[in-house]
Amino acid sequence: MAGSLRKVIFFVFLAAVAYTAYAYMLRPSNRSFSQQKLQLQSKRQKLAELQQATLAARDLGQQLEQLEEAISFFESRLPPQSQIHKVLQQVTLIAQRQGLDTRSIQTLKAQECSGYVEQPLKMELHGDFNCYYSFLLELERMPRITKIKQLELSKDRANEGQATAKFVVSIFFQDTAS
């Protein structure tokens, strides 16, 4: 019996050692491992988000460069406001070169926007339709930004092939205040 009691006590002792090892070593180690695994997953997710943000920032940088190039292109086509008389003179010369008779030119109220000023000019020209067409083509080729609005073309009943055009041409300038 002494041998069996020893075996039972030894078995209980081994079970107690195994339980103690599990309770005080393996369970805390497993908890720590689980927490570290969660932290690692969280860090990997943040790293993936950071990589996406980096790619988006690069794209934004490229878009910003393209926008800056576009702005510089349009600013190069916008003369300073002090040169309005030169642009008006160019428009008048184009009309005369194309054989159009300038009946009237009236400056309308300038409209200020952020970064530029729109100066509308109300014009009335008289001449041949082909001359109008050539005038518009040459106006389009000017190294300045212009816009034709409210074009009204009426036939001259007295002279065949002649017409009168009333329109507003807007010329854009750099805003010297900005």
N, C-alpha and C. Protein backbone atom coordinates (compact mmCIF):
# COMPACT_ATOMS: atom_id res chain seq x y z
N MET A 1 0.81 -1.18 0.00
CA MET A 1 0.00 0.00 0.00
C MET A 1 0.86 1.25 0.00
N ALA A 2 1.96 1.14 0.61
CA ALA A 2 2.84 2.30 0.67
C ALA A 2 3.26 2.70 -0.74
N GLY A 3 3.46 1.71 -1.61
CA GLY A 3 3.84 2.02 -2.99
C GLY A 3 2.69 2.66 -3.75
N SER A 4 1.47 2.26 -3.50
CA SER A 4 0.34 2.86 -4.17
C SER A 4 0.07 4.26 -3.66
N LEU A 5 0.25 4.46 -2.36
CA LEU A 5 0.05 5.80 -1.81
C LEU A 5 1.09 6.75 -2.39
N ARG A 6 2.29 6.24 -2.54
CA ARG A 6 3.33 7.07 -3.13
C ARG A 6 2.97 7.46 -4.56
N LYS A 7 2.45 6.51 -5.27
CA LYS A 7 2.06 6.78 -6.65
C LYS A 7 0.94 7.80 -6.70
N VAL A 8 -0.01 7.70 -5.81
CA VAL A 8 -1.13 8.65 -5.79
C VAL A 8 -0.62 10.03 -5.41
N ILE A 9 0.21 10.10 -4.38
CA ILE A 9 0.76 11.41 -3.96
C ILE A 9 1.61 11.98 -5.09
N PHE A 10 2.42 11.13 -5.74
CA PHE A 10 3.24 11.62 -6.85
C PHE A 10 2.37 12.11 -8.00
N PHE A 11 1.28 11.38 -8.27
CA PHE A 11 0.35 11.80 -9.33
C PHE A 11 -0.31 13.13 -8.97
N VAL A 12 -0.76 13.30 -7.71
CA VAL A 12 -1.37 14.55 -7.26
C VAL A 12 -0.35 15.67 -7.34
N PHE A 13 0.88 15.37 -6.94
CA PHE A 13 1.93 16.38 -7.01
C PHE A 13 2.18 16.81 -8.45
N LEU A 14 2.23 15.87 -9.37
CA LEU A 14 2.43 16.20 -10.79
C LEU A 14 1.25 17.00 -11.34
N ALA A 15 0.05 16.61 -10.91
CA ALA A 15 -1.14 17.35 -11.35
C ALA A 15 -1.10 18.78 -10.82
N ALA A 16 -0.67 18.93 -9.55
CA ALA A 16 -0.57 20.27 -8.96
C ALA A 16 0.49 21.10 -9.67
N VAL A 17 1.62 20.49 -10.01
CA VAL A 17 2.68 21.20 -10.73
C VAL A 17 2.18 21.61 -12.12
N ALA A 18 1.48 20.69 -12.77
CA ALA A 18 0.95 21.00 -14.11
C ALA A 18 -0.07 22.13 -14.03
N TYR A 19 -0.97 22.06 -13.04
CA TYR A 19 -1.97 23.13 -12.88
C TYR A 19 -1.29 24.46 -12.55
N THR A 20 -0.33 24.44 -11.64
CA THR A 20 0.40 25.66 -11.26
C THR A 20 1.12 26.23 -12.48
N ALA A 21 1.77 25.38 -13.24
CA ALA A 21 2.47 25.84 -14.44
C ALA A 21 1.48 26.45 -15.43
N TYR A 22 0.35 25.81 -15.60
CA TYR A 22 -0.67 26.35 -16.52
C TYR A 22 -1.21 27.67 -15.99
N ALA A 23 -1.57 27.73 -14.69
CA ALA A 23 -2.21 28.92 -14.12
C ALA A 23 -1.26 30.10 -14.04
N TYR A 24 -0.01 29.85 -13.70
CA TYR A 24 0.92 30.96 -13.46
C TYR A 24 1.91 31.20 -14.59
N MET A 25 2.00 30.31 -15.54
CA MET A 25 2.95 30.52 -16.62
C MET A 25 2.28 30.52 -18.00
N LEU A 26 1.54 29.49 -18.31
CA LEU A 26 0.99 29.38 -19.66
C LEU A 26 -0.16 30.36 -19.90
N ARG A 27 -1.10 30.46 -18.95
CA ARG A 27 -2.24 31.37 -19.15
C ARG A 27 -1.77 32.83 -19.30
N PRO A 28 -0.91 33.39 -18.42
CA PRO A 28 -0.43 34.76 -18.63
C PRO A 28 0.35 34.92 -19.94
N SER A 29 1.10 33.86 -20.27
CA SER A 29 1.85 33.92 -21.52
C SER A 29 0.90 33.97 -22.72
N ASN A 30 -0.17 33.18 -22.68
CA ASN A 30 -1.16 33.17 -23.77
C ASN A 30 -1.87 34.52 -23.86
N ARG A 31 -2.21 35.10 -22.70
CA ARG A 31 -2.85 36.43 -22.70
C ARG A 31 -1.92 37.47 -23.31
N SER A 32 -0.67 37.44 -22.90
CA SER A 32 0.31 38.38 -23.43
C SER A 32 0.48 38.19 -24.93
N PHE A 33 0.53 36.94 -25.37
CA PHE A 33 0.65 36.64 -26.79
C PHE A 33 -0.55 37.17 -27.57
N SER A 34 -1.77 36.99 -27.02
CA SER A 34 -2.98 37.48 -27.68
C SER A 34 -2.98 39.00 -27.78
N GLN A 35 -2.56 39.67 -26.70
CA GLN A 35 -2.50 41.13 -26.72
C GLN A 35 -1.47 41.63 -27.73
N GLN A 36 -0.33 40.98 -27.78
CA GLN A 36 0.70 41.37 -28.74
C GLN A 36 0.24 41.14 -30.17
N LYS A 37 -0.50 40.06 -30.36
CA LYS A 37 -1.04 39.76 -31.69
C LYS A 37 -2.03 40.84 -32.12
N LEU A 38 -2.91 41.27 -31.18
CA LEU A 38 -3.86 42.35 -31.48
C LEU A 38 -3.13 43.67 -31.77
N GLN A 39 -2.10 43.96 -30.98
CA GLN A 39 -1.32 45.18 -31.21
C GLN A 39 -0.64 45.13 -32.57
N LEU A 40 -0.12 43.97 -32.93
CA LEU A 40 0.55 43.81 -34.23
C LEU A 40 -0.46 44.02 -35.37
N GLN A 41 -1.65 43.46 -35.24
CA GLN A 41 -2.69 43.66 -36.27
C GLN A 41 -3.07 45.13 -36.36
N SER A 42 -3.19 45.78 -35.22
CA SER A 42 -3.53 47.21 -35.21
C SER A 42 -2.44 48.03 -35.90
N LYS A 43 -1.20 47.72 -35.61
CA LYS A 43 -0.08 48.44 -36.23
C LYS A 43 -0.02 48.18 -37.73
N ARG A 44 -0.29 46.95 -38.14
CA ARG A 44 -0.30 46.64 -39.57
C ARG A 44 -1.42 47.41 -40.28
N GLN A 45 -2.57 47.51 -39.63
CA GLN A 45 -3.68 48.27 -40.21
C GLN A 45 -3.32 49.75 -40.32
N LYS A 46 -2.71 50.31 -39.29
CA LYS A 46 -2.28 51.71 -39.34
C LYS A 46 -1.22 51.92 -40.41
N LEU A 47 -0.33 50.94 -40.57
CA LEU A 47 0.70 51.03 -41.61
C LEU A 47 0.05 51.02 -43.00
N ALA A 48 -0.95 50.18 -43.20
CA ALA A 48 -1.65 50.14 -44.49
C ALA A 48 -2.35 51.47 -44.76
N GLU A 49 -2.98 52.03 -43.72
CA GLU A 49 -3.63 53.33 -43.87
C GLU A 49 -2.61 54.42 -44.19
N LEU A 50 -1.46 54.36 -43.54
CA LEU A 50 -0.40 55.33 -43.80
C LEU A 50 0.11 55.22 -45.23
N GLN A 51 0.25 53.98 -45.73
CA GLN A 51 0.68 53.80 -47.12
C GLN A 51 -0.34 54.38 -48.09
N GLN A 52 -1.63 54.17 -47.80
CA GLN A 52 -2.68 54.75 -48.66
C GLN A 52 -2.63 56.27 -48.60
N ALA A 53 -2.43 56.81 -47.41
CA ALA A 53 -2.35 58.27 -47.27
C ALA A 53 -1.13 58.81 -48.00
N THR A 54 -0.03 58.09 -47.97
CA THR A 54 1.18 58.51 -48.68
C THR A 54 0.93 58.54 -50.19
N LEU A 55 0.27 57.50 -50.70
CA LEU A 55 -0.06 57.47 -52.13
C LEU A 55 -0.99 58.63 -52.50
N ALA A 56 -1.97 58.88 -51.64
CA ALA A 56 -2.89 59.99 -51.90
C ALA A 56 -2.15 61.31 -51.86
N ALA A 57 -1.20 61.45 -50.95
CA ALA A 57 -0.42 62.70 -50.87
C ALA A 57 0.42 62.89 -52.12
N ARG A 58 0.98 61.80 -52.64
CA ARG A 58 1.75 61.92 -53.89
C ARG A 58 0.84 62.37 -55.03
N ASP A 59 -0.36 61.75 -55.10
CA ASP A 59 -1.32 62.15 -56.13
C ASP A 59 -1.70 63.61 -55.97
N LEU A 60 -1.93 64.03 -54.74
CA LEU A 60 -2.27 65.44 -54.50
C LEU A 60 -1.12 66.36 -54.89
N GLY A 61 0.10 65.90 -54.65
CA GLY A 61 1.27 66.70 -55.05
C GLY A 61 1.32 66.86 -56.56
N GLN A 62 1.05 65.78 -57.29
CA GLN A 62 1.04 65.84 -58.76
C GLN A 62 -0.10 66.74 -59.24
N GLN A 63 -1.27 66.61 -58.62
CA GLN A 63 -2.40 67.46 -59.00
C GLN A 63 -2.10 68.92 -58.71
N LEU A 64 -1.44 69.19 -57.59
CA LEU A 64 -1.08 70.56 -57.24
C LEU A 64 -0.11 71.14 -58.27
N GLU A 65 0.86 70.33 -58.70
CA GLU A 65 1.79 70.79 -59.73
C GLU A 65 1.05 71.10 -61.03
N GLN A 66 0.12 70.24 -61.41
CA GLN A 66 -0.65 70.48 -62.64
C GLN A 66 -1.48 71.74 -62.52
N LEU A 67 -2.09 71.95 -61.36
CA LEU A 67 -2.89 73.17 -61.16
C LEU A 67 -2.02 74.41 -61.19
N GLU A 68 -0.83 74.33 -60.61
CA GLU A 68 0.08 75.47 -60.64
C GLU A 68 0.50 75.80 -62.07
N GLU A 69 0.74 74.75 -62.87
CA GLU A 69 1.08 74.97 -64.28
C GLU A 69 -0.08 75.62 -65.02
N ALA A 70 -1.31 75.15 -64.75
CA ALA A 70 -2.49 75.73 -65.41
C ALA A 70 -2.67 77.18 -64.99
N ILE A 71 -2.46 77.46 -63.72
CA ILE A 71 -2.60 78.85 -63.24
C ILE A 71 -1.57 79.74 -63.90
N SER A 72 -0.32 79.28 -63.97
CA SER A 72 0.70 80.10 -64.60
C SER A 72 0.43 80.31 -66.09
N PHE A 73 -0.14 79.27 -66.76
CA PHE A 73 -0.50 79.43 -68.16
C PHE A 73 -1.58 80.50 -68.34
N PHE A 74 -2.64 80.41 -67.52
CA PHE A 74 -3.70 81.39 -67.66
C PHE A 74 -3.25 82.79 -67.22
N GLU A 75 -2.41 82.87 -66.22
CA GLU A 75 -1.91 84.18 -65.81
C GLU A 75 -1.05 84.80 -66.90
N SER A 76 -0.34 83.95 -67.67
CA SER A 76 0.47 84.49 -68.77
C SER A 76 -0.42 85.07 -69.87
N ARG A 77 -1.67 84.59 -69.93
CA ARG A 77 -2.61 85.10 -70.93
C ARG A 77 -3.45 86.25 -70.39
N LEU A 78 -3.26 86.62 -69.12
CA LEU A 78 -3.98 87.73 -68.52
C LEU A 78 -3.03 88.93 -68.40
N PRO A 79 -3.24 89.97 -69.18
CA PRO A 79 -2.36 91.14 -69.05
C PRO A 79 -2.69 91.88 -67.75
N PRO A 80 -1.75 92.70 -67.27
CA PRO A 80 -2.07 93.53 -66.11
C PRO A 80 -3.19 94.51 -66.47
N GLN A 81 -3.92 94.95 -65.47
CA GLN A 81 -5.06 95.84 -65.72
C GLN A 81 -4.62 97.15 -66.33
N SER A 82 -3.36 97.53 -66.11
CA SER A 82 -2.87 98.79 -66.66
C SER A 82 -2.74 98.72 -68.19
N GLN A 83 -2.81 97.54 -68.79
CA GLN A 83 -2.67 97.40 -70.24
C GLN A 83 -4.02 97.26 -70.95
N ILE A 84 -5.09 97.66 -70.32
CA ILE A 84 -6.42 97.53 -70.93
C ILE A 84 -6.50 98.32 -72.23
N HIS A 85 -5.88 99.49 -72.25
CA HIS A 85 -5.94 100.30 -73.47
C HIS A 85 -5.22 99.61 -74.64
N LYS A 86 -4.15 98.87 -74.36
CA LYS A 86 -3.43 98.17 -75.43
C LYS A 86 -4.30 97.05 -76.02
N VAL A 87 -4.98 96.33 -75.17
CA VAL A 87 -5.84 95.24 -75.65
C VAL A 87 -7.01 95.82 -76.44
N LEU A 88 -7.59 96.89 -75.94
CA LEU A 88 -8.68 97.56 -76.65
C LEU A 88 -8.20 98.05 -78.01
N GLN A 89 -6.99 98.57 -78.06
CA GLN A 89 -6.42 99.03 -79.32
C GLN A 89 -6.23 97.84 -80.27
N GLN A 90 -5.78 96.69 -79.75
CA GLN A 90 -5.60 95.51 -80.59
C GLN A 90 -6.93 95.04 -81.18
N VAL A 91 -7.99 95.05 -80.38
CA VAL A 91 -9.30 94.63 -80.86
C VAL A 91 -9.79 95.58 -81.95
N THR A 92 -9.60 96.86 -81.73
CA THR A 92 -10.00 97.86 -82.72
C THR A 92 -9.22 97.70 -84.02
N LEU A 93 -7.91 97.47 -83.91
CA LEU A 93 -7.08 97.28 -85.10
C LEU A 93 -7.48 96.02 -85.87
N ILE A 94 -7.82 94.97 -85.14
CA ILE A 94 -8.27 93.73 -85.80
C ILE A 94 -9.54 94.01 -86.60
N ALA A 95 -10.46 94.74 -86.00
CA ALA A 95 -11.72 95.07 -86.70
C ALA A 95 -11.44 95.90 -87.95
N GLN A 96 -10.56 96.88 -87.83
CA GLN A 96 -10.24 97.73 -88.99
C GLN A 96 -9.50 96.93 -90.07
N ARG A 97 -8.58 96.06 -89.65
CA ARG A 97 -7.83 95.24 -90.60
C ARG A 97 -8.75 94.32 -91.39
N GLN A 98 -9.82 93.88 -90.79
CA GLN A 98 -10.76 92.98 -91.46
C GLN A 98 -11.80 93.75 -92.27
N GLY A 99 -11.70 95.05 -92.32
CA GLY A 99 -12.60 95.85 -93.13
C GLY A 99 -13.93 96.16 -92.46
N LEU A 100 -13.99 96.11 -91.15
CA LEU A 100 -15.22 96.41 -90.43
C LEU A 100 -15.21 97.87 -89.99
N ASP A 101 -16.38 98.47 -90.04
CA ASP A 101 -16.55 99.85 -89.60
C ASP A 101 -16.99 99.83 -88.13
N THR A 102 -16.20 100.45 -87.28
CA THR A 102 -16.53 100.48 -85.86
C THR A 102 -17.52 101.61 -85.62
N ARG A 103 -18.75 101.24 -85.28
CA ARG A 103 -19.79 102.25 -85.02
C ARG A 103 -19.69 102.78 -83.59
N SER A 104 -19.51 101.87 -82.62
CA SER A 104 -19.39 102.32 -81.23
C SER A 104 -18.67 101.27 -80.38
N ILE A 105 -17.97 101.77 -79.38
CA ILE A 105 -17.33 100.93 -78.37
C ILE A 105 -17.64 101.57 -77.03
N GLN A 106 -18.22 100.78 -76.15
CA GLN A 106 -18.62 101.30 -74.85
C GLN A 106 -18.12 100.34 -73.78
N THR A 107 -17.37 100.87 -72.81
CA THR A 107 -16.91 100.01 -71.72
C THR A 107 -18.02 99.89 -70.69
N LEU A 108 -18.27 98.68 -70.27
CA LEU A 108 -19.26 98.40 -69.24
C LEU A 108 -18.55 98.24 -67.90
N LYS A 109 -19.32 98.08 -66.84
CA LYS A 109 -18.74 97.99 -65.51
C LYS A 109 -17.91 96.71 -65.39
N ALA A 110 -16.68 96.88 -64.91
CA ALA A 110 -15.78 95.73 -64.72
C ALA A 110 -16.29 94.86 -63.57
N GLN A 111 -16.09 93.57 -63.73
CA GLN A 111 -16.51 92.62 -62.71
C GLN A 111 -15.26 91.97 -62.12
N GLU A 112 -15.05 92.21 -60.83
CA GLU A 112 -13.87 91.67 -60.16
C GLU A 112 -14.19 90.30 -59.58
N CYS A 113 -13.30 89.36 -59.85
CA CYS A 113 -13.41 88.01 -59.31
C CYS A 113 -12.11 87.72 -58.56
N SER A 114 -12.01 86.57 -57.97
CA SER A 114 -10.80 86.25 -57.23
C SER A 114 -9.65 85.99 -58.19
N GLY A 115 -8.71 86.89 -58.24
CA GLY A 115 -7.52 86.71 -59.07
C GLY A 115 -7.58 87.35 -60.44
N TYR A 116 -8.76 87.75 -60.91
CA TYR A 116 -8.83 88.37 -62.22
C TYR A 116 -9.98 89.37 -62.27
N VAL A 117 -9.94 90.21 -63.31
CA VAL A 117 -10.99 91.21 -63.55
C VAL A 117 -11.51 90.98 -64.95
N GLU A 118 -12.84 90.98 -65.09
CA GLU A 118 -13.47 90.84 -66.40
C GLU A 118 -13.96 92.22 -66.82
N GLN A 119 -13.41 92.72 -67.93
CA GLN A 119 -13.81 94.03 -68.44
C GLN A 119 -14.64 93.83 -69.71
N PRO A 120 -15.98 93.97 -69.62
CA PRO A 120 -16.81 93.82 -70.82
C PRO A 120 -16.82 95.10 -71.65
N LEU A 121 -16.79 94.93 -72.96
CA LEU A 121 -16.86 96.04 -73.90
C LEU A 121 -18.04 95.80 -74.84
N LYS A 122 -18.94 96.75 -74.93
CA LYS A 122 -20.07 96.64 -75.84
C LYS A 122 -19.63 97.27 -77.15
N MET A 123 -19.69 96.49 -78.23
CA MET A 123 -19.21 96.96 -79.53
C MET A 123 -20.32 96.84 -80.56
N GLU A 124 -20.26 97.75 -81.51
CA GLU A 124 -21.16 97.68 -82.66
C GLU A 124 -20.29 97.88 -83.90
N LEU A 125 -20.30 96.86 -84.76
CA LEU A 125 -19.49 96.88 -85.98
C LEU A 125 -20.41 96.71 -87.18
N HIS A 126 -19.98 97.27 -88.30
CA HIS A 126 -20.74 97.17 -89.54
C HIS A 126 -19.79 96.70 -90.63
N GLY A 127 -20.28 95.76 -91.45
CA GLY A 127 -19.45 95.30 -92.56
C GLY A 127 -19.98 94.00 -93.14
N ASP A 128 -19.13 93.38 -93.95
CA ASP A 128 -19.44 92.14 -94.64
C ASP A 128 -19.38 90.95 -93.66
N PHE A 129 -20.21 89.94 -93.89
CA PHE A 129 -20.25 88.78 -93.00
C PHE A 129 -18.90 88.06 -92.97
N ASN A 130 -18.25 87.91 -94.11
CA ASN A 130 -16.93 87.26 -94.16
C ASN A 130 -15.91 88.03 -93.33
N CYS A 131 -16.06 89.35 -93.29
CA CYS A 131 -15.18 90.17 -92.46
C CYS A 131 -15.42 89.87 -90.98
N TYR A 132 -16.68 89.67 -90.60
CA TYR A 132 -16.99 89.31 -89.21
C TYR A 132 -16.34 87.98 -88.86
N TYR A 133 -16.47 87.05 -89.76
CA TYR A 133 -15.91 85.73 -89.51
C TYR A 133 -14.39 85.82 -89.32
N SER A 134 -13.73 86.55 -90.20
CA SER A 134 -12.27 86.73 -90.09
C SER A 134 -11.91 87.47 -88.80
N PHE A 135 -12.74 88.44 -88.42
CA PHE A 135 -12.52 89.18 -87.18
C PHE A 135 -12.58 88.24 -85.97
N LEU A 136 -13.58 87.39 -85.94
CA LEU A 136 -13.73 86.46 -84.82
C LEU A 136 -12.58 85.45 -84.77
N LEU A 137 -12.14 84.98 -85.93
CA LEU A 137 -11.01 84.05 -85.96
C LEU A 137 -9.74 84.71 -85.44
N GLU A 138 -9.50 85.94 -85.86
CA GLU A 138 -8.29 86.65 -85.41
C GLU A 138 -8.39 87.01 -83.93
N LEU A 139 -9.58 87.34 -83.47
CA LEU A 139 -9.79 87.63 -82.05
C LEU A 139 -9.50 86.38 -81.21
N GLU A 140 -9.87 85.23 -81.74
CA GLU A 140 -9.63 83.96 -81.05
C GLU A 140 -8.14 83.64 -80.96
N ARG A 141 -7.36 84.07 -81.93
CA ARG A 141 -5.93 83.79 -81.95
C ARG A 141 -5.12 84.76 -81.09
N MET A 142 -5.77 85.77 -80.53
CA MET A 142 -5.05 86.71 -79.68
C MET A 142 -4.44 85.98 -78.48
N PRO A 143 -3.27 86.43 -78.03
CA PRO A 143 -2.65 85.76 -76.86
C PRO A 143 -3.30 86.19 -75.55
N ARG A 144 -4.52 86.59 -75.57
CA ARG A 144 -5.26 87.03 -74.39
C ARG A 144 -6.54 86.23 -74.28
N ILE A 145 -7.07 86.14 -73.08
CA ILE A 145 -8.33 85.44 -72.88
C ILE A 145 -9.46 86.43 -73.14
N THR A 146 -10.31 86.09 -74.10
CA THR A 146 -11.47 86.93 -74.43
C THR A 146 -12.70 86.03 -74.54
N LYS A 147 -13.85 86.67 -74.44
CA LYS A 147 -15.10 85.92 -74.51
C LYS A 147 -16.14 86.81 -75.18
N ILE A 148 -16.85 86.26 -76.18
CA ILE A 148 -17.92 86.99 -76.87
C ILE A 148 -19.24 86.60 -76.23
N LYS A 149 -20.03 87.60 -75.85
CA LYS A 149 -21.35 87.36 -75.27
C LYS A 149 -22.37 88.21 -76.02
N GLN A 150 -23.59 87.80 -75.99
CA GLN A 150 -24.73 88.57 -76.49
C GLN A 150 -24.50 89.06 -77.93
N LEU A 151 -24.17 88.16 -78.81
CA LEU A 151 -23.95 88.51 -80.21
C LEU A 151 -25.29 88.64 -80.92
N GLU A 152 -25.50 89.80 -81.51
CA GLU A 152 -26.72 90.05 -82.28
C GLU A 152 -26.29 90.52 -83.67
N LEU A 153 -26.65 89.77 -84.67
CA LEU A 153 -26.26 90.06 -86.04
C LEU A 153 -27.52 90.39 -86.84
N SER A 154 -27.52 91.59 -87.44
CA SER A 154 -28.71 91.99 -88.22
C SER A 154 -28.28 92.39 -89.63
N LYS A 155 -29.09 91.98 -90.59
CA LYS A 155 -28.81 92.22 -92.00
C LYS A 155 -29.13 93.67 -92.36
N ASP A 156 -28.25 94.26 -93.17
CA ASP A 156 -28.48 95.62 -93.66
C ASP A 156 -29.34 95.49 -94.92
N ARG A 157 -30.58 95.97 -94.84
CA ARG A 157 -31.53 95.81 -95.95
C ARG A 157 -31.13 96.65 -97.17
N ALA A 158 -30.46 97.77 -96.93
CA ALA A 158 -30.09 98.66 -98.02
C ALA A 158 -28.92 98.11 -98.84
N ASN A 159 -27.95 97.49 -98.17
CA ASN A 159 -26.75 96.98 -98.86
C ASN A 159 -26.70 95.46 -98.75
N GLU A 160 -26.74 94.78 -99.88
CA GLU A 160 -26.72 93.33 -99.91
C GLU A 160 -25.35 92.81 -99.43
N GLY A 161 -25.37 91.82 -98.52
CA GLY A 161 -24.14 91.22 -98.00
C GLY A 161 -23.55 91.95 -96.81
N GLN A 162 -24.16 93.07 -96.45
CA GLN A 162 -23.67 93.86 -95.31
C GLN A 162 -24.52 93.55 -94.08
N ALA A 163 -23.92 93.66 -92.92
CA ALA A 163 -24.64 93.39 -91.67
C ALA A 163 -24.07 94.25 -90.55
N THR A 164 -24.86 94.39 -89.51
CA THR A 164 -24.44 95.10 -88.31
C THR A 164 -24.40 94.08 -87.16
N ALA A 165 -23.30 94.10 -86.43
CA ALA A 165 -23.14 93.17 -85.30
C ALA A 165 -23.05 93.99 -84.02
N LYS A 166 -23.88 93.61 -83.06
CA LYS A 166 -23.80 94.19 -81.73
C LYS A 166 -23.46 93.05 -80.79
N PHE A 167 -22.41 93.21 -80.01
CA PHE A 167 -21.99 92.15 -79.11
C PHE A 167 -21.21 92.74 -77.94
N VAL A 168 -21.02 91.90 -76.95
CA VAL A 168 -20.21 92.26 -75.79
C VAL A 168 -19.01 91.33 -75.80
N VAL A 169 -17.83 91.90 -75.84
CA VAL A 169 -16.60 91.12 -75.75
C VAL A 169 -16.00 91.38 -74.37
N SER A 170 -15.73 90.31 -73.66
CA SER A 170 -15.13 90.43 -72.33
C SER A 170 -13.64 90.14 -72.44
N ILE A 171 -12.86 91.03 -71.86
CA ILE A 171 -11.41 90.87 -71.83
C ILE A 171 -11.03 90.66 -70.37
N PHE A 172 -10.19 89.69 -70.12
CA PHE A 172 -9.83 89.35 -68.75
C PHE A 172 -8.42 89.87 -68.43
N PHE A 173 -8.28 90.41 -67.20
CA PHE A 173 -7.02 90.99 -66.74
C PHE A 173 -6.66 90.43 -65.37
N GLN A 174 -5.39 90.56 -65.04
CA GLN A 174 -4.95 90.19 -63.70
C GLN A 174 -5.48 91.21 -62.71
N ASP A 175 -5.92 90.73 -61.57
CA ASP A 175 -6.39 91.62 -60.50
C ASP A 175 -5.16 92.12 -59.76
N THR A 176 -4.90 93.41 -59.86
CA THR A 176 -3.71 93.97 -59.22
C THR A 176 -3.84 94.02 -57.71
N ALA A 177 -5.05 93.88 -57.17
CA ALA A 177 -5.26 93.92 -55.72
C ALA A 177 -4.85 92.61 -55.08
N SER A 178 -4.90 91.48 -55.82
CA SER A 178 -4.58 90.18 -55.19
C SER A 178 -3.13 89.83 -55.32
